[in-house]
Amino acid sequence: MCARCGTTAEGPPPTWTFSVEGGAPRYFCDACARENIRAIEGRLDSDWW
């Protein structure tokens, strides 16, 4: 499940973005990752998006 929008993956394993924030693993769908790529590259936690 996407940690940002709640989308669930169906079918084969998705190519989602993986992050560890506060020691917890988080996955982000392709759409959320594209919308927030600058924050991801700057290593801002998703709370800042």
Protein backbone atom coordinates (compact mmCIF):
# COMPACT_ATOMS: atom_id res chain seq x y z
CA MET A 1 0.00 0.00 0.00
CA CYS A 2 1.27 3.49 -0.85
CA ALA A 3 2.14 5.39 2.33
CA ARG A 4 1.02 8.66 0.72
CA CYS A 5 -2.26 8.02 -1.12
CA GLY A 6 -3.26 4.53 0.03
CA THR A 7 -3.24 2.96 -3.45
CA THR A 8 -2.83 -0.81 -3.32
CA ALA A 9 -0.80 -2.79 -5.83
CA GLU A 10 -2.47 -5.49 -7.89
CA GLY A 11 -0.81 -8.13 -10.03
CA PRO A 12 2.98 -8.50 -10.16
CA PRO A 13 5.15 -6.70 -7.59
CA PRO A 14 5.14 -2.96 -8.36
CA THR A 15 8.19 -0.83 -9.09
CA TRP A 16 7.42 1.59 -6.30
CA THR A 17 9.81 3.88 -4.45
CA PHE A 18 11.03 2.53 -1.12
CA SER A 19 12.04 4.73 1.82
CA VAL A 20 12.90 4.29 5.48
CA GLU A 21 11.57 7.09 7.66
CA GLY A 22 12.05 7.05 11.42
CA GLY A 23 13.19 3.43 11.13
CA ALA A 24 9.93 2.35 9.44
CA PRO A 25 9.81 1.08 5.84
CA ARG A 26 7.48 3.00 3.51
CA TYR A 27 6.49 2.44 -0.11
CA PHE A 28 5.24 5.14 -2.50
CA CYS A 29 3.37 4.47 -5.75
CA ASP A 30 4.75 5.73 -9.05
CA ALA A 31 2.32 8.69 -9.16
CA CYS A 32 3.22 9.93 -5.65
CA ALA A 33 6.92 9.42 -6.31
CA ARG A 34 6.74 11.46 -9.56
CA GLU A 35 4.79 14.27 -7.86
CA ASN A 36 7.35 14.53 -5.04
CA ILE A 37 10.65 13.55 -6.68
CA ARG A 38 12.50 16.71 -5.59
CA ALA A 39 11.59 16.14 -1.93
CA ILE A 40 12.56 12.47 -2.23
CA GLU A 41 15.93 13.32 -3.79
CA GLY A 42 16.49 15.90 -1.04
CA ARG A 43 15.67 13.14 1.50
CA LEU A 44 12.80 15.05 3.11
CA ASP A 45 10.44 12.82 5.05
CA SER A 46 7.02 12.53 3.41
CA ASP A 47 5.52 14.67 6.21
CA TRP A 48 7.21 17.64 4.48
CA TRP A 49 5.57 16.97 1.10
